Amino acid sequence: MSATPSAVKRLKKRREFLYVAKGEKAVRAGVVIQARRRDGSLHCGVGFTATKKVGNAVIRNRAKRRLRETARLLLPLHGQPGFDYVFIARATTPDRDWSKLVDDVETALKRLAKSGTAGKTNEKA
C-alpha cells in the first residue's frame, strides 16, 4: 500500500527527527534515508536535514530543495503509510546528476519498504 500525496506531513521538531533516527536506514551515494513506524497514525511523515559538512548555507539549502522534490515525486509511490522518513543530504547531493539522485532515493525507499521496517512496530522512543 502506498501513501497518498495529501497524507504526507512534515517533521519539524527535533524530537521527531531523533525518534526516526532510532529506526532503519538506507545509505546511497546521494542520500541517506531513515525510516521508522509512527504510533497509530496513517499519514507519512517526512523531514529533511543537511549538516555543515555538505557545504555553506546556500549549498545546504540547494541539497534540501533537491531532496524535497525527490520526496514529493517518490513518497506517494514508495512511502509506507504510518511511517516517518528523514532524508539526510550527503556531500554529493547538491551536485549529483538528477536522474542518479532520483534513482538513489527510489532504491532506498524500496529497500526500506522491503526490509523488516515495513512489518514491524518499534517500541517506545
C-alpha atoms as a PDB file:
ATOM      1  CA  MET A   1       0.000   0.000   0.000  1.00  0.00           C
ATOM      2  CA  SER A   2       1.358   3.472  -0.787  1.00  0.00           C
ATOM      3  CA  ALA A   3       0.671   6.824   0.803  1.00  0.00           C
ATOM      4  CA  THR A   4      -1.394   9.438  -0.979  1.00  0.00           C
ATOM      5  CA  PRO A   5       0.146  12.879  -1.558  1.00  0.00           C
ATOM      6  CA  SER A   6      -2.245  14.524   0.913  1.00  0.00           C
ATOM      7  CA  ALA A   7      -1.171  12.063   3.604  1.00  0.00           C
ATOM      8  CA  VAL A   8       2.411  13.396   3.715  1.00  0.00           C
ATOM      9  CA  LYS A   9       3.160  15.608   6.739  1.00  0.00           C
ATOM     10  CA  ARG A  10       6.368  17.492   7.521  1.00  0.00           C
ATOM     11  CA  LEU A  11       8.530  16.652  10.529  1.00  0.00           C
ATOM     12  CA  LYS A  12       9.705  19.878  12.141  1.00  0.00           C
ATOM     13  CA  LYS A  13      10.626  19.176  15.752  1.00  0.00           C
ATOM     14  CA  ARG A  14      13.951  17.788  16.907  1.00  0.00           C
ATOM     15  CA  ARG A  15      12.298  15.010  18.902  1.00  0.00           C
ATOM     16  CA  GLU A  16      10.587  13.763  15.715  1.00  0.00           C
ATOM     17  CA  PHE A  17      13.968  13.545  13.947  1.00  0.00           C
ATOM     18  CA  LEU A  18      15.508  11.762  16.939  1.00  0.00           C
ATOM     19  CA  TYR A  19      12.625   9.271  17.011  1.00  0.00           C
ATOM     20  CA  VAL A  20      13.164   8.369  13.339  1.00  0.00           C
ATOM     21  CA  ALA A  21      16.942   8.121  13.853  1.00  0.00           C
ATOM     22  CA  LYS A  22      16.368   5.022  16.012  1.00  0.00           C
ATOM     23  CA  GLY A  23      14.748   3.169  13.092  1.00  0.00           C
ATOM     24  CA  GLU A  24      16.107   1.604   9.898  1.00  0.00           C
ATOM     25  CA  LYS A  25      18.265   3.470   7.404  1.00  0.00           C
ATOM     26  CA  ALA A  26      19.247   3.091   3.779  1.00  0.00           C
ATOM     27  CA  VAL A  27      22.508   4.649   2.610  1.00  0.00           C
ATOM     28  CA  ARG A  28      23.066   5.595  -1.028  1.00  0.00           C
ATOM     29  CA  ALA A  29      25.688   7.736  -2.757  1.00  0.00           C
ATOM     30  CA  GLY A  30      23.434  10.793  -2.905  1.00  0.00           C
ATOM     31  CA  VAL A  31      21.277  10.421   0.195  1.00  0.00           C
ATOM     32  CA  VAL A  32      20.696   8.668   3.498  1.00  0.00           C
ATOM     33  CA  ILE A  33      17.070   7.893   4.343  1.00  0.00           C
ATOM     34  CA  GLN A  34      15.952   6.902   7.825  1.00  0.00           C
ATOM     35  CA  ALA A  35      12.526   5.349   8.448  1.00  0.00           C
ATOM     36  CA  ARG A  36      10.520   4.335  11.482  1.00  0.00           C
ATOM     37  CA  ARG A  37       6.913   3.337  12.105  1.00  0.00           C
ATOM     38  CA  ARG A  38       4.778   6.004  13.751  1.00  0.00           C
ATOM     39  CA  ASP A  39       2.330   5.156  16.545  1.00  0.00           C
ATOM     40  CA  GLY A  40      -1.226   4.650  15.279  1.00  0.00           C
ATOM     41  CA  SER A  41      -1.096   7.238  12.529  1.00  0.00           C
ATOM     42  CA  LEU A  42      -1.816   6.586   8.866  1.00  0.00           C
ATOM     43  CA  HIS A  43      -0.068   9.608   7.407  1.00  0.00           C
ATOM     44  CA  CYS A  44       3.509   9.549   6.157  1.00  0.00           C
ATOM     45  CA  GLY A  45       5.892  11.987   7.884  1.00  0.00           C
ATOM     46  CA  VAL A  46       8.922  13.460   6.153  1.00  0.00           C
ATOM     47  CA  GLY A  47      11.822  15.637   7.279  1.00  0.00           C
ATOM     48  CA  PHE A  48      14.995  16.929   5.638  1.00  0.00           C
ATOM     49  CA  THR A  49      18.405  17.774   7.025  1.00  0.00           C
ATOM     50  CA  ALA A  50      21.894  18.669   5.866  1.00  0.00           C
ATOM     51  CA  THR A  51      24.961  19.086   8.064  1.00  0.00           C
ATOM     52  CA  LYS A  52      27.632  21.729   7.638  1.00  0.00           C
ATOM     53  CA  LYS A  53      29.849  19.058   6.081  1.00  0.00           C
ATOM     54  CA  VAL A  54      27.648  19.352   2.969  1.00  0.00           C
ATOM     55  CA  GLY A  55      28.720  22.975   2.441  1.00  0.00           C
ATOM     56  CA  ASN A  56      27.732  26.516   3.247  1.00  0.00           C
ATOM     57  CA  ALA A  57      24.110  27.604   3.760  1.00  0.00           C
ATOM     58  CA  VAL A  58      23.444  28.137   0.057  1.00  0.00           C
ATOM     59  CA  ILE A  59      24.668  24.652  -0.840  1.00  0.00           C
ATOM     60  CA  ARG A  60      22.834  23.009   2.084  1.00  0.00           C
ATOM     61  CA  ASN A  61      19.601  24.706   1.025  1.00  0.00           C
ATOM     62  CA  ARG A  62      20.095  23.533  -2.569  1.00  0.00           C
ATOM     63  CA  ALA A  63      20.628  19.979  -1.332  1.00  0.00           C
ATOM     64  CA  LYS A  64      17.456  20.100   0.783  1.00  0.00           C
ATOM     65  CA  ARG A  65      15.425  21.569  -2.103  1.00  0.00           C
ATOM     66  CA  ARG A  66      16.540  18.698  -4.324  1.00  0.00           C
ATOM     67  CA  LEU A  67      15.638  16.154  -1.635  1.00  0.00           C
ATOM     68  CA  ARG A  68      12.229  17.784  -1.092  1.00  0.00           C
ATOM     69  CA  GLU A  69      11.482  17.458  -4.790  1.00  0.00           C
ATOM     70  CA  THR A  70      12.515  13.795  -4.915  1.00  0.00           C
ATOM     71  CA  ALA A  71      10.374  13.124  -1.847  1.00  0.00           C
ATOM     72  CA  ARG A  72       7.428  14.910  -3.465  1.00  0.00           C
ATOM     73  CA  LEU A  73       7.776  12.684  -6.526  1.00  0.00           C
ATOM     74  CA  LEU A  74       8.551   9.339  -4.885  1.00  0.00           C
ATOM     75  CA  LEU A  75       6.972   9.172  -1.406  1.00  0.00           C
ATOM     76  CA  PRO A  76       3.437   8.860  -2.808  1.00  0.00           C
ATOM     77  CA  LEU A  77       4.670   5.871  -4.849  1.00  0.00           C
ATOM     78  CA  HIS A  78       7.046   4.125  -2.443  1.00  0.00           C
ATOM     79  CA  GLY A  79       6.362   5.565   1.014  1.00  0.00           C
ATOM     80  CA  GLN A  80       4.591   3.395   3.583  1.00  0.00           C
ATOM     81  CA  PRO A  81       1.590   4.900   5.409  1.00  0.00           C
ATOM     82  CA  GLY A  82       2.235   5.152   9.117  1.00  0.00           C
ATOM     83  CA  PHE A  83       5.983   5.696   8.698  1.00  0.00           C
ATOM     84  CA  ASP A  84       8.179   8.747   9.185  1.00  0.00           C
ATOM     85  CA  TYR A  85      11.123   9.361   6.849  1.00  0.00           C
ATOM     86  CA  VAL A  86      14.138  11.618   7.292  1.00  0.00           C
ATOM     87  CA  PHE A  87      16.169  12.488   4.199  1.00  0.00           C
ATOM     88  CA  ILE A  88      19.774  13.365   5.035  1.00  0.00           C
ATOM     89  CA  ALA A  89      21.833  15.183   2.411  1.00  0.00           C
ATOM     90  CA  ARG A  90      25.334  13.943   1.686  1.00  0.00           C
ATOM     91  CA  ALA A  91      28.269  15.906   0.265  1.00  0.00           C
ATOM     92  CA  THR A  92      27.374  14.654  -3.236  1.00  0.00           C
ATOM     93  CA  THR A  93      23.673  15.613  -3.048  1.00  0.00           C
ATOM     94  CA  PRO A  94      23.874  19.216  -4.344  1.00  0.00           C
ATOM     95  CA  ASP A  95      25.843  18.310  -7.478  1.00  0.00           C
ATOM     96  CA  ARG A  96      24.662  14.767  -8.171  1.00  0.00           C
ATOM     97  CA  ASP A  97      23.064  14.168 -11.554  1.00  0.00           C
ATOM     98  CA  TRP A  98      19.287  14.487 -11.129  1.00  0.00           C
ATOM     99  CA  SER A  99      18.442  11.062 -12.555  1.00  0.00           C
ATOM    100  CA  LYS A 100      21.027   9.398 -10.293  1.00  0.00           C
ATOM    101  CA  LEU A 101      19.675  11.230  -7.242  1.00  0.00           C
ATOM    102  CA  VAL A 102      16.119  10.155  -8.057  1.00  0.00           C
ATOM    103  CA  ASP A 103      17.350   6.578  -8.526  1.00  0.00           C
ATOM    104  CA  ASP A 104      19.188   6.737  -5.164  1.00  0.00           C
ATOM    105  CA  VAL A 105      16.042   7.879  -3.365  1.00  0.00           C
ATOM    106  CA  GLU A 106      13.843   5.339  -5.145  1.00  0.00           C
ATOM    107  CA  THR A 107      16.094   2.369  -4.373  1.00  0.00           C
ATOM    108  CA  ALA A 108      16.484   3.486  -0.751  1.00  0.00           C
ATOM    109  CA  LEU A 109      12.707   3.787  -0.275  1.00  0.00           C
ATOM    110  CA  LYS A 110      12.147   0.386  -1.885  1.00  0.00           C
ATOM    111  CA  ARG A 111      14.773  -1.198   0.363  1.00  0.00           C
ATOM    112  CA  LEU A 112      13.193   0.314   3.455  1.00  0.00           C
ATOM    113  CA  ALA A 113       9.771  -0.942   2.353  1.00  0.00           C
ATOM    114  CA  LYS A 114      11.132  -4.473   1.786  1.00  0.00           C
ATOM    115  CA  SER A 115      13.183  -4.624   4.964  1.00  0.00           C
ATOM    116  CA  GLY A 116      11.739  -5.528   8.320  1.00  0.00           C
ATOM    117  CA  THR A 117      10.742  -1.888   8.779  1.00  0.00           C
ATOM    118  CA  ALA A 118       7.512  -2.272   6.830  1.00  0.00           C
ATOM    119  CA  GLY A 119       6.187  -5.048   9.019  1.00  0.00           C
ATOM    120  CA  LYS A 120       7.438  -4.132  12.488  1.00  0.00           C
ATOM    121  CA  THR A 121       6.220  -1.728  15.075  1.00  0.00           C
ATOM    122  CA  ASN A 122       9.047  -0.245  17.114  1.00  0.00           C
ATOM    123  CA  GLU A 123       8.750   0.143  20.836  1.00  0.00           C
ATOM    124  CA  LYS A 124       8.665   3.453  22.700  1.00  0.00           C
ATOM    125  CA  ALA A 125      11.197   6.109  21.752  1.00  0.00           C
END
